[in-house]
Amino acid sequence: MPTPAWDDRPQLREEWAWVYDGFLVLSKQRQAGFGANPISVADVCAYLDLVGIRETGQRIVFLELVVGLDEIARQWHVEHSRRDAKPKD
Protein backbone atom coordinates (compact mmCIF):
# COMPACT_ATOMS: atom_id res chain seq x y z
CA MET A 1 0.00 0.00 0.00
CA PRO A 2 1.60 3.31 -1.06
CA THR A 3 2.14 5.99 1.56
CA PRO A 4 2.70 9.44 -0.02
CA ALA A 5 4.29 10.93 3.10
CA TRP A 6 6.90 8.17 3.15
CA ASP A 7 7.43 8.19 -0.60
CA ASP A 8 7.87 11.99 -0.67
CA ARG A 9 10.10 12.26 2.41
CA PRO A 10 13.40 14.11 2.04
CA GLN A 11 16.32 11.87 1.18
CA LEU A 12 19.78 12.27 2.65
CA ARG A 13 22.35 12.16 -0.11
CA GLU A 14 25.02 9.55 0.57
CA GLU A 15 27.88 12.06 0.35
CA TRP A 16 26.45 13.93 3.36
CA ALA A 17 25.77 10.89 5.55
CA TRP A 18 29.10 11.39 7.39
CA VAL A 19 27.89 14.81 8.57
CA TYR A 20 24.53 13.54 9.77
CA ASP A 21 26.12 10.53 11.48
CA GLY A 22 28.51 12.86 13.30
CA PHE A 23 25.67 15.17 14.28
CA LEU A 24 23.77 12.24 15.81
CA VAL A 25 26.80 11.16 17.83
CA LEU A 26 27.46 14.70 19.05
CA SER A 27 23.81 15.40 19.78
CA LYS A 28 23.62 12.43 22.15
CA GLN A 29 26.57 13.82 24.11
CA ARG A 30 25.34 17.39 24.55
CA GLN A 31 25.11 18.95 27.98
CA ALA A 32 21.63 19.65 29.30
CA GLY A 33 20.45 22.35 31.63
CA PHE A 34 17.27 24.29 31.09
CA GLY A 35 16.72 22.62 27.73
CA ALA A 36 19.27 21.30 25.30
CA ASN A 37 22.54 23.21 25.19
CA PRO A 38 24.32 23.76 21.89
CA ILE A 39 26.91 21.27 20.73
CA SER A 40 30.24 22.84 21.63
CA VAL A 41 32.98 23.62 19.13
CA ALA A 42 35.38 21.72 21.40
CA ASP A 43 33.19 18.61 21.14
CA VAL A 44 33.05 18.97 17.35
CA CYS A 45 36.84 19.28 17.15
CA ALA A 46 37.32 16.27 19.43
CA TYR A 47 34.94 14.22 17.28
CA LEU A 48 36.75 15.23 14.08
CA ASP A 49 40.08 14.29 15.66
CA LEU A 50 38.65 10.97 16.81
CA VAL A 51 37.40 10.02 13.35
CA GLY A 52 40.59 11.23 11.67
CA ILE A 53 39.31 14.20 9.70
CA ARG A 54 42.28 16.57 9.55
CA GLU A 55 41.70 18.59 6.37
CA THR A 56 40.76 22.14 7.36
CA GLY A 57 38.15 22.62 4.66
CA GLN A 58 36.29 19.46 5.67
CA ARG A 59 36.45 20.44 9.32
CA ILE A 60 34.95 23.86 8.60
CA VAL A 61 32.17 22.41 6.45
CA PHE A 62 31.38 19.84 9.13
CA LEU A 63 31.33 22.48 11.87
CA GLU A 64 29.06 24.82 9.91
CA LEU A 65 26.62 22.05 9.03
CA VAL A 66 26.53 20.61 12.54
CA VAL A 67 25.93 24.08 14.01
CA GLY A 68 23.05 24.56 11.55
CA LEU A 69 21.53 21.16 12.30
CA ASP A 70 21.94 21.83 16.01
CA GLU A 71 20.08 25.15 15.77
CA ILE A 72 17.20 23.46 13.94
CA ALA A 73 17.07 20.57 16.42
CA ARG A 74 17.13 22.84 19.47
CA GLN A 75 14.41 25.09 18.01
CA TRP A 76 12.27 22.03 17.28
CA HIS A 77 12.76 20.88 20.86
CA VAL A 78 11.72 24.29 22.25
CA GLU A 79 8.61 24.44 20.07
CA HIS A 80 7.52 20.92 20.95
CA SER A 81 8.25 21.39 24.65
CA ARG A 82 5.96 24.43 24.71
CA ARG A 83 3.25 22.60 22.79
CA ASP A 84 3.43 19.60 25.10
CA ALA A 85 3.42 21.82 28.21
CA LYS A 86 0.17 23.62 27.28
CA PRO A 87 -2.78 22.59 29.45
CA LYS A 88 -5.20 20.31 27.71
CA ASP A 89 -8.86 21.31 27.68
PDB file of N, CA and C in Angstrom:
ATOM      1  N   MET A   1       0.848  -1.174   0.000  1.00  0.00           N
ATOM      2  CA  MET A   1       0.000   0.000   0.000  1.00  0.00           C
ATOM      3  C   MET A   1       0.901   1.247   0.000  1.00  0.00           C
ATOM      4  N   PRO A   2       0.756   2.115  -0.990  1.00  0.00           N
ATOM      5  CA  PRO A   2       1.595   3.314  -1.064  1.00  0.00           C
ATOM      6  C   PRO A   2       1.270   4.304   0.061  1.00  0.00           C
ATOM      7  N   THR A   3       2.308   4.934   0.554  1.00  0.00           N
ATOM      8  CA  THR A   3       2.140   5.987   1.561  1.00  0.00           C
ATOM      9  C   THR A   3       2.853   7.239   1.056  1.00  0.00           C
ATOM     10  N   PRO A   4       2.096   8.244   0.582  1.00  0.00           N
ATOM     11  CA  PRO A   4       2.701   9.436  -0.016  1.00  0.00           C
ATOM     12  C   PRO A   4       3.687  10.154   0.908  1.00  0.00           C
ATOM     13  N   ALA A   5       3.380  10.240   2.189  1.00  0.00           N
ATOM     14  CA  ALA A   5       4.295  10.934   3.104  1.00  0.00           C
ATOM     15  C   ALA A   5       5.656  10.239   3.137  1.00  0.00           C
ATOM     16  N   TRP A   6       5.643   8.921   3.136  1.00  0.00           N
ATOM     17  CA  TRP A   6       6.902   8.166   3.151  1.00  0.00           C
ATOM     18  C   TRP A   6       7.610   8.277   1.806  1.00  0.00           C
ATOM     19  N   ASP A   7       6.849   8.143   0.741  1.00  0.00           N
ATOM     20  CA  ASP A   7       7.432   8.188  -0.601  1.00  0.00           C
ATOM     21  C   ASP A   7       8.020   9.558  -0.927  1.00  0.00           C
ATOM     22  N   ASP A   8       7.432  10.621  -0.373  1.00  0.00           N
ATOM     23  CA  ASP A   8       7.869  11.988  -0.666  1.00  0.00           C
ATOM     24  C   ASP A   8       8.802  12.574   0.389  1.00  0.00           C
ATOM     25  N   ARG A   9       9.237  11.759   1.330  1.00  0.00           N
ATOM     26  CA  ARG A   9      10.101  12.259   2.406  1.00  0.00           C
ATOM     27  C   ARG A   9      11.441  12.743   1.829  1.00  0.00           C
ATOM     28  N   PRO A  10      12.072  13.684   2.509  1.00  0.00           N
ATOM     29  CA  PRO A  10      13.404  14.112   2.042  1.00  0.00           C
ATOM     30  C   PRO A  10      14.397  12.957   2.136  1.00  0.00           C
ATOM     31  N   GLN A  11      15.298  12.907   1.205  1.00  0.00           N
ATOM     32  CA  GLN A  11      16.319  11.866   1.177  1.00  0.00           C
ATOM     33  C   GLN A  11      17.683  12.479   1.476  1.00  0.00           C
ATOM     34  N   LEU A  12      18.422  11.838   2.343  1.00  0.00           N
ATOM     35  CA  LEU A  12      19.780  12.269   2.649  1.00  0.00           C
ATOM     36  C   LEU A  12      20.710  11.717   1.576  1.00  0.00           C
ATOM     37  N   ARG A  13      21.408  12.611   0.910  1.00  0.00           N
ATOM     38  CA  ARG A  13      22.350  12.160  -0.113  1.00  0.00           C
ATOM     39  C   ARG A  13      23.534  11.482   0.570  1.00  0.00           C
ATOM     40  N   GLU A  14      23.969  10.388  -0.022  1.00  0.00           N
ATOM     41  CA  GLU A  14      25.019   9.549   0.567  1.00  0.00           C
ATOM     42  C   GLU A  14      26.274  10.341   0.915  1.00  0.00           C
ATOM     43  N   GLU A  15      26.640  11.314   0.094  1.00  0.00           N
ATOM     44  CA  GLU A  15      27.875  12.062   0.350  1.00  0.00           C
ATOM     45  C   GLU A  15      27.801  12.947   1.597  1.00  0.00           C
ATOM     46  N   TRP A  16      26.601  13.130   2.144  1.00  0.00           N
ATOM     47  CA  TRP A  16      26.452  13.929   3.362  1.00  0.00           C
ATOM     48  C   TRP A  16      26.143  13.078   4.589  1.00  0.00           C
ATOM     49  N   ALA A  17      26.096  11.776   4.424  1.00  0.00           N
ATOM     50  CA  ALA A  17      25.769  10.892   5.548  1.00  0.00           C
ATOM     51  C   ALA A  17      26.790  11.029   6.680  1.00  0.00           C
ATOM     52  N   TRP A  18      28.061  11.254   6.362  1.00  0.00           N
ATOM     53  CA  TRP A  18      29.100  11.393   7.390  1.00  0.00           C
ATOM     54  C   TRP A  18      28.815  12.578   8.303  1.00  0.00           C
ATOM     55  N   VAL A  19      28.224  13.641   7.754  1.00  0.00           N
ATOM     56  CA  VAL A  19      27.890  14.812   8.573  1.00  0.00           C
ATOM     57  C   VAL A  19      26.731  14.473   9.506  1.00  0.00           C
ATOM     58  N   TYR A  20      25.692  13.864   8.955  1.00  0.00           N
ATOM     59  CA  TYR A  20      24.528  13.541   9.772  1.00  0.00           C
ATOM     60  C   TYR A  20      24.880  12.511  10.847  1.00  0.00           C
ATOM     61  N   ASP A  21      25.680  11.521  10.489  1.00  0.00           N
ATOM     62  CA  ASP A  21      26.115  10.529  11.479  1.00  0.00           C
ATOM     63  C   ASP A  21      26.876  11.206  12.624  1.00  0.00           C
ATOM     64  N   GLY A  22      27.767  12.125  12.278  1.00  0.00           N
ATOM     65  CA  GLY A  22      28.512  12.862  13.298  1.00  0.00           C
ATOM     66  C   GLY A  22      27.605  13.713  14.157  1.00  0.00           C
ATOM     67  N   PHE A  23      26.632  14.364  13.527  1.00  0.00           N
ATOM     68  CA  PHE A  23      25.674  15.170  14.284  1.00  0.00           C
ATOM     69  C   PHE A  23      24.927  14.306  15.296  1.00  0.00           C
ATOM     70  N   LEU A  24      24.497  13.120  14.887  1.00  0.00           N
ATOM     71  CA  LEU A  24      23.767  12.240  15.805  1.00  0.00           C
ATOM     72  C   LEU A  24      24.631  11.834  16.995  1.00  0.00           C
ATOM     73  N   VAL A  25      25.889  11.517  16.739  1.00  0.00           N
ATOM     74  CA  VAL A  25      26.805  11.158  17.827  1.00  0.00           C
ATOM     75  C   VAL A  25      26.970  12.339  18.776  1.00  0.00           C
ATOM     76  N   LEU A  26      27.241  13.510  18.227  1.00  0.00           N
ATOM     77  CA  LEU A  26      27.464  14.695  19.053  1.00  0.00           C
ATOM     78  C   LEU A  26      26.204  15.121  19.789  1.00  0.00           C
ATOM     79  N   SER A  27      25.069  14.989  19.158  1.00  0.00           N
ATOM     80  CA  SER A  27      23.814  15.402  19.778  1.00  0.00           C
ATOM     81  C   SER A  27      23.501  14.575  21.022  1.00  0.00           C
ATOM     82  N   LYS A  28      23.856  13.305  20.985  1.00  0.00           N
ATOM     83  CA  LYS A  28      23.618  12.435  22.145  1.00  0.00           C
ATOM     84  C   LYS A  28      24.510  12.794  23.323  1.00  0.00           C
ATOM     85  N   GLN A  29      25.604  13.500  23.060  1.00  0.00           N
ATOM     86  CA  GLN A  29      26.574  13.821  24.109  1.00  0.00           C
ATOM     87  C   GLN A  29      26.421  15.231  24.663  1.00  0.00           C
ATOM     88  N   ARG A  30      25.461  15.981  24.147  1.00  0.00           N
ATOM     89  CA  ARG A  30      25.336  17.387  24.552  1.00  0.00           C
ATOM     90  C   ARG A  30      25.013  17.520  26.040  1.00  0.00           C
ATOM     91  N   GLN A  31      25.424  18.640  26.598  1.00  0.00           N
ATOM     92  CA  GLN A  31      25.110  18.952  27.979  1.00  0.00           C
ATOM     93  C   GLN A  31      23.674  19.471  28.054  1.00  0.00           C
ATOM     94  N   ALA A  32      22.995  19.170  29.122  1.00  0.00           N
ATOM     95  CA  ALA A  32      21.628  19.646  29.301  1.00  0.00           C
ATOM     96  C   ALA A  32      21.546  20.495  30.554  1.00  0.00           C
ATOM     97  N   GLY A  33      20.723  21.488  30.482  1.00  0.00           N
ATOM     98  CA  GLY A  33      20.452  22.352  31.628  1.00  0.00           C
ATOM     99  C   GLY A  33      18.969  22.648  31.574  1.00  0.00           C
ATOM    100  N   PHE A  34      18.652  23.908  31.343  1.00  0.00           N
ATOM    101  CA  PHE A  34      17.268  24.287  31.091  1.00  0.00           C
ATOM    102  C   PHE A  34      17.040  24.139  29.597  1.00  0.00           C
ATOM    103  N   GLY A  35      16.841  22.910  29.156  1.00  0.00           N
ATOM    104  CA  GLY A  35      16.724  22.619  27.732  1.00  0.00           C
ATOM    105  C   GLY A  35      18.043  22.085  27.205  1.00  0.00           C
ATOM    106  N   ALA A  36      18.071  21.850  25.925  1.00  0.00           N
ATOM    107  CA  ALA A  36      19.272  21.300  25.297  1.00  0.00           C
ATOM    108  C   ALA A  36      20.271  22.415  25.012  1.00  0.00           C
ATOM    109  N   ASN A  37      21.487  22.239  25.478  1.00  0.00           N
ATOM    110  CA  ASN A  37      22.537  23.211  25.185  1.00  0.00           C
ATOM    111  C   ASN A  37      23.118  22.935  23.807  1.00  0.00           C
ATOM    112  N   PRO A  38      23.706  23.965  23.197  1.00  0.00           N
ATOM    113  CA  PRO A  38      24.322  23.760  21.886  1.00  0.00           C
ATOM    114  C   PRO A  38      25.487  22.777  21.959  1.00  0.00           C
ATOM    115  N   ILE A  39      25.732  22.111  20.852  1.00  0.00           N
ATOM    116  CA  ILE A  39      26.910  21.267  20.731  1.00  0.00           C
ATOM    117  C   ILE A  39      28.116  22.202  20.709  1.00  0.00           C
ATOM    118  N   SER A  40      29.107  21.930  21.531  1.00  0.00           N
ATOM    119  CA  SER A  40      30.245  22.843  21.634  1.00  0.00           C
ATOM    120  C   SER A  40      31.235  22.633  20.487  1.00  0.00           C
ATOM    121  N   VAL A  41      31.934  23.697  20.150  1.00  0.00           N
ATOM    122  CA  VAL A  41      32.983  23.619  19.132  1.00  0.00           C
ATOM    123  C   VAL A  41      34.066  22.644  19.587  1.00  0.00           C
ATOM    124  N   ALA A  42      34.368  22.643  20.876  1.00  0.00           N
ATOM    125  CA  ALA A  42      35.377  21.719  21.402  1.00  0.00           C
ATOM    126  C   ALA A  42      34.960  20.265  21.171  1.00  0.00           C
ATOM    127  N   ASP A  43      33.677  19.965  21.374  1.00  0.00           N
ATOM    128  CA  ASP A  43      33.195  18.607  21.137  1.00  0.00           C
ATOM    129  C   ASP A  43      33.272  18.247  19.654  1.00  0.00           C
ATOM    130  N   VAL A  44      32.947  19.210  18.792  1.00  0.00           N
ATOM    131  CA  VAL A  44      33.045  18.969  17.350  1.00  0.00           C
ATOM    132  C   VAL A  44      34.498  18.677  16.971  1.00  0.00           C
ATOM    133  N   CYS A  45      35.418  19.484  17.460  1.00  0.00           N
ATOM    134  CA  CYS A  45      36.844  19.280  17.151  1.00  0.00           C
ATOM    135  C   CYS A  45      37.337  17.934  17.671  1.00  0.00           C
ATOM    136  N   ALA A  46      36.922  17.572  18.875  1.00  0.00           N
ATOM    137  CA  ALA A  46      37.322  16.274  19.433  1.00  0.00           C
ATOM    138  C   ALA A  46      36.769  15.135  18.585  1.00  0.00           C
ATOM    139  N   TYR A  47      35.532  15.258  18.134  1.00  0.00           N
ATOM    140  CA  TYR A  47      34.940  14.224  17.276  1.00  0.00           C
ATOM    141  C   TYR A  47      35.718  14.114  15.968  1.00  0.00           C
ATOM    142  N   LEU A  48      36.014  15.244  15.349  1.00  0.00           N
ATOM    143  CA  LEU A  48      36.751  15.226  14.082  1.00  0.00           C
ATOM    144  C   LEU A  48      38.136  14.609  14.257  1.00  0.00           C
ATOM    145  N   ASP A  49      38.789  14.910  15.376  1.00  0.00           N
ATOM    146  CA  ASP A  49      40.084  14.293  15.662  1.00  0.00           C
ATOM    147  C   ASP A  49      39.927  12.779  15.826  1.00  0.00           C
ATOM    148  N   LEU A  50      38.892  12.381  16.539  1.00  0.00           N
ATOM    149  CA  LEU A  50      38.653  10.967  16.811  1.00  0.00           C
ATOM    150  C   LEU A  50      38.432  10.166  15.530  1.00  0.00           C
ATOM    151  N   VAL A  51      37.697  10.752  14.586  1.00  0.00           N
ATOM    152  CA  VAL A  51      37.399  10.019  13.354  1.00  0.00           C
ATOM    153  C   VAL A  51      38.442  10.266  12.267  1.00  0.00           C
ATOM    154  N   GLY A  52      39.462  11.066  12.583  1.00  0.00           N
ATOM    155  CA  GLY A  52      40.589  11.233  11.675  1.00  0.00           C
ATOM    156  C   GLY A  52      40.406  12.238  10.554  1.00  0.00           C
ATOM    157  N   ILE A  53      39.494  13.167  10.728  1.00  0.00           N
ATOM    158  CA  ILE A  53      39.306  14.203   9.702  1.00  0.00           C
ATOM    159  C   ILE A  53      40.217  15.368  10.061  1.00  0.00           C
ATOM    160  N   ARG A  54      41.255  15.567   9.267  1.00  0.00           N
ATOM    161  CA  ARG A  54      42.278  16.574   9.553  1.00  0.00           C
ATOM    162  C   ARG A  54      42.248  17.747   8.577  1.00  0.00           C
ATOM    163  N   GLU A  55      41.680  17.551   7.395  1.00  0.00           N
ATOM    164  CA  GLU A  55      41.696  18.593   6.369  1.00  0.00           C
ATOM    165  C   GLU A  55      40.829  19.768   6.814  1.00  0.00           C
ATOM    166  N   THR A  56      41.417  20.954   6.822  1.00  0.00           N
ATOM    167  CA  THR A  56      40.764  22.143   7.364  1.00  0.00           C
ATOM    168  C   THR A  56      39.433  22.432   6.685  1.00  0.00           C
ATOM    169  N   GLY A  57      39.391  22.338   5.380  1.00  0.00           N
ATOM    170  CA  GLY A  57      38.146  22.621   4.657  1.00  0.00           C
ATOM    171  C   GLY A  57      37.013  21.702   5.080  1.00  0.00           C
ATOM    172  N   GLN A  58      37.299  20.412   5.221  1.00  0.00           N
ATOM    173  CA  GLN A  58      36.286  19.458   5.667  1.00  0.00           C
ATOM    174  C   GLN A  58      35.842  19.751   7.089  1.00  0.00           C
ATOM    175  N   ARG A  59      36.776  20.136   7.931  1.00  0.00           N
ATOM    176  CA  ARG A  59      36.448  20.437   9.325  1.00  0.00           C
ATOM    177  C   ARG A  59      35.517  21.646   9.414  1.00  0.00           C
ATOM    178  N   ILE A  60      35.795  22.656   8.588  1.00  0.00           N
ATOM    179  CA  ILE A  60      34.954  23.864   8.598  1.00  0.00           C
ATOM    180  C   ILE A  60      33.555  23.544   8.083  1.00  0.00           C
ATOM    181  N   VAL A  61      33.479  22.801   6.990  1.00  0.00           N
ATOM    182  CA  VAL A  61      32.168  22.414   6.449  1.00  0.00           C
ATOM    183  C   VAL A  61      31.390  21.622   7.489  1.00  0.00           C
ATOM    184  N   PHE A  62      32.039  20.656   8.112  1.00  0.00           N
ATOM    185  CA  PHE A  62      31.381  19.844   9.132  1.00  0.00           C
ATOM    186  C   PHE A  62      30.870  20.720  10.270  1.00  0.00           C
ATOM    187  N   LEU A  63      31.725  21.603  10.762  1.00  0.00           N
ATOM    188  CA  LEU A  63      31.333  22.484  11.869  1.00  0.00           C
ATOM    189  C   LEU A  63      30.132  23.341  11.491  1.00  0.00           C
ATOM    190  N   GLU A  64      30.169  23.952  10.321  1.00  0.00           N
ATOM    191  CA  GLU A  64      29.062  24.818   9.907  1.00  0.00           C
ATOM    192  C   GLU A  64      27.761  24.039   9.766  1.00  0.00           C
ATOM    193  N   LEU A  65      27.833  22.850   9.200  1.00  0.00           N
ATOM    194  CA  LEU A  65      26.618  22.049   9.028  1.00  0.00           C
ATOM    195  C   LEU A  65      26.087  21.533  10.354  1.00  0.00           C
ATOM    196  N   VAL A  66      26.972  21.102  11.229  1.00  0.00           N
ATOM    197  CA  VAL A  66      26.526  20.613  12.537  1.00  0.00           C
ATOM    198  C   VAL A  66      25.913  21.745  13.355  1.00  0.00           C
ATOM    199  N   VAL A  67      26.509  22.925  13.300  1.00  0.00           N
ATOM    200  CA  VAL A  67      25.929  24.075  14.010  1.00  0.00           C
ATOM    201  C   VAL A  67      24.535  24.372  13.463  1.00  0.00           C
ATOM    202  N   GLY A  68      24.368  24.330  12.147  1.00  0.00           N
ATOM    203  CA  GLY A  68      23.054  24.558  11.548  1.00  0.00           C
ATOM    204  C   GLY A  68      22.042  23.506  11.945  1.00  0.00           C
ATOM    205  N   LEU A  69      22.427  22.238  11.873  1.00  0.00           N
ATOM    206  CA  LEU A  69      21.531  21.164  12.300  1.00  0.00           C
ATOM    207  C   LEU A  69      21.177  21.292  13.775  1.00  0.00           C
ATOM    208  N   ASP A  70      22.152  21.674  14.572  1.00  0.00           N
ATOM    209  CA  ASP A  70      21.939  21.825  16.008  1.00  0.00           C
ATOM    210  C   ASP A  70      20.930  22.938  16.292  1.00  0.00           C
ATOM    211  N   GLU A  71      21.037  24.049  15.579  1.00  0.00           N
ATOM    212  CA  GLU A  71      20.078  25.145  15.769  1.00  0.00           C
ATOM    213  C   GLU A  71      18.658  24.695  15.436  1.00  0.00           C
ATOM    214  N   ILE A  72      18.519  23.967  14.332  1.00  0.00           N
ATOM    215  CA  ILE A  72      17.201  23.460  13.936  1.00  0.00           C
ATOM    216  C   ILE A  72      16.667  22.481  14.977  1.00  0.00           C
ATOM    217  N   ALA A  73      17.504  21.573  15.441  1.00  0.00           N
ATOM    218  CA  ALA A  73      17.071  20.571  16.420  1.00  0.00           C
ATOM    219  C   ALA A  73      16.677  21.217  17.747  1.00  0.00           C
ATOM    220  N   ARG A  74      17.463  22.185  18.193  1.00  0.00           N
ATOM    221  CA  ARG A  74      17.134  22.836  19.469  1.00  0.00           C
ATOM    222  C   ARG A  74      15.861  23.661  19.354  1.00  0.00           C
ATOM    223  N   GLN A  75      15.647  24.323  18.208  1.00  0.00           N
ATOM    224  CA  GLN A  75      14.413  25.087  18.012  1.00  0.00           C
ATOM    225  C   GLN A  75      13.207  24.149  17.982  1.00  0.00           C
ATOM    226  N   TRP A  76      13.347  23.022  17.317  1.00  0.00           N
ATOM    227  CA  TRP A  76      12.273  22.033  17.277  1.00  0.00           C
ATOM    228  C   TRP A  76      11.935  21.574  18.695  1.00  0.00           C
ATOM    229  N   HIS A  77      12.968  21.330  19.487  1.00  0.00           N
ATOM    230  CA  HIS A  77      12.761  20.880  20.861  1.00  0.00           C
ATOM    231  C   HIS A  77      12.007  21.941  21.668  1.00  0.00           C
ATOM    232  N   VAL A  78      12.391  23.202  21.522  1.00  0.00           N
ATOM    233  CA  VAL A  78      11.715  24.290  22.247  1.00  0.00           C
ATOM    234  C   VAL A  78      10.249  24.366  21.848  1.00  0.00           C
ATOM    235  N   GLU A  79       9.991  24.341  20.546  1.00  0.00           N
ATOM    236  CA  GLU A  79       8.608  24.444  20.075  1.00  0.00           C
ATOM    237  C   GLU A  79       7.757  23.277  20.550  1.00  0.00           C
ATOM    238  N   HIS A  80       8.294  22.085  20.525  1.00  0.00           N
ATOM    239  CA  HIS A  80       7.523  20.922  20.955  1.00  0.00           C
ATOM    240  C   HIS A  80       7.395  20.844  22.470  1.00  0.00           C
ATOM    241  N   SER A  81       8.366  21.356  23.187  1.00  0.00           N
ATOM    242  CA  SER A  81       8.254  21.386  24.646  1.00  0.00           C
ATOM    243  C   SER A  81       7.136  22.333  25.072  1.00  0.00           C
ATOM    244  N   ARG A  82       7.035  23.469  24.400  1.00  0.00           N
ATOM    245  CA  ARG A  82       5.958  24.428  24.706  1.00  0.00           C
ATOM    246  C   ARG A  82       4.606  23.829  24.375  1.00  0.00           C
ATOM    247  N   ARG A  83       4.522  23.188  23.221  1.00  0.00           N
ATOM    248  CA  ARG A  83       3.254  22.600  22.794  1.00  0.00           C
ATOM    249  C   ARG A  83       2.820  21.524  23.771  1.00  0.00           C
ATOM    250  N   ASP A  84       3.758  20.700  24.194  1.00  0.00           N
ATOM    251  CA  ASP A  84       3.429  19.601  25.102  1.00  0.00           C
ATOM    252  C   ASP A  84       3.127  20.112  26.506  1.00  0.00           C
ATOM    253  N   ALA A  85       3.624  21.286  26.872  1.00  0.00           N
ATOM    254  CA  ALA A  85       3.416  21.822  28.212  1.00  0.00           C
ATOM    255  C   ALA A  85       2.088  22.568  28.347  1.00  0.00           C
ATOM    256  N   LYS A  86       1.439  22.892  27.207  1.00  0.00           N
ATOM    257  CA  LYS A  86       0.169  23.616  27.282  1.00  0.00           C
ATOM    258  C   LYS A  86      -0.885  22.744  27.942  1.00  0.00           C
ATOM    259  N   PRO A  87      -1.706  23.381  28.808  1.00  0.00           N
ATOM    260  CA  PRO A  87      -2.776  22.593  29.453  1.00  0.00           C
ATOM    261  C   PRO A  87      -3.775  22.087  28.408  1.00  0.00           C
ATOM    262  N   LYS A  88      -4.223  20.896  28.617  1.00  0.00           N
ATOM    263  CA  LYS A  88      -5.200  20.309  27.706  1.00  0.00           C
ATOM    264  C   LYS A  88      -6.595  20.608  28.219  1.00  0.00           C
ATOM    265  N   ASP A  89      -7.462  20.980  27.298  1.00  0.00           N
ATOM    266  CA  ASP A  89      -8.857  21.307  27.678  1.00  0.00           C
ATOM    267  C   ASP A  89      -9.683  20.084  27.936  1.00  0.00           C
TER     268      ASP A  89
END
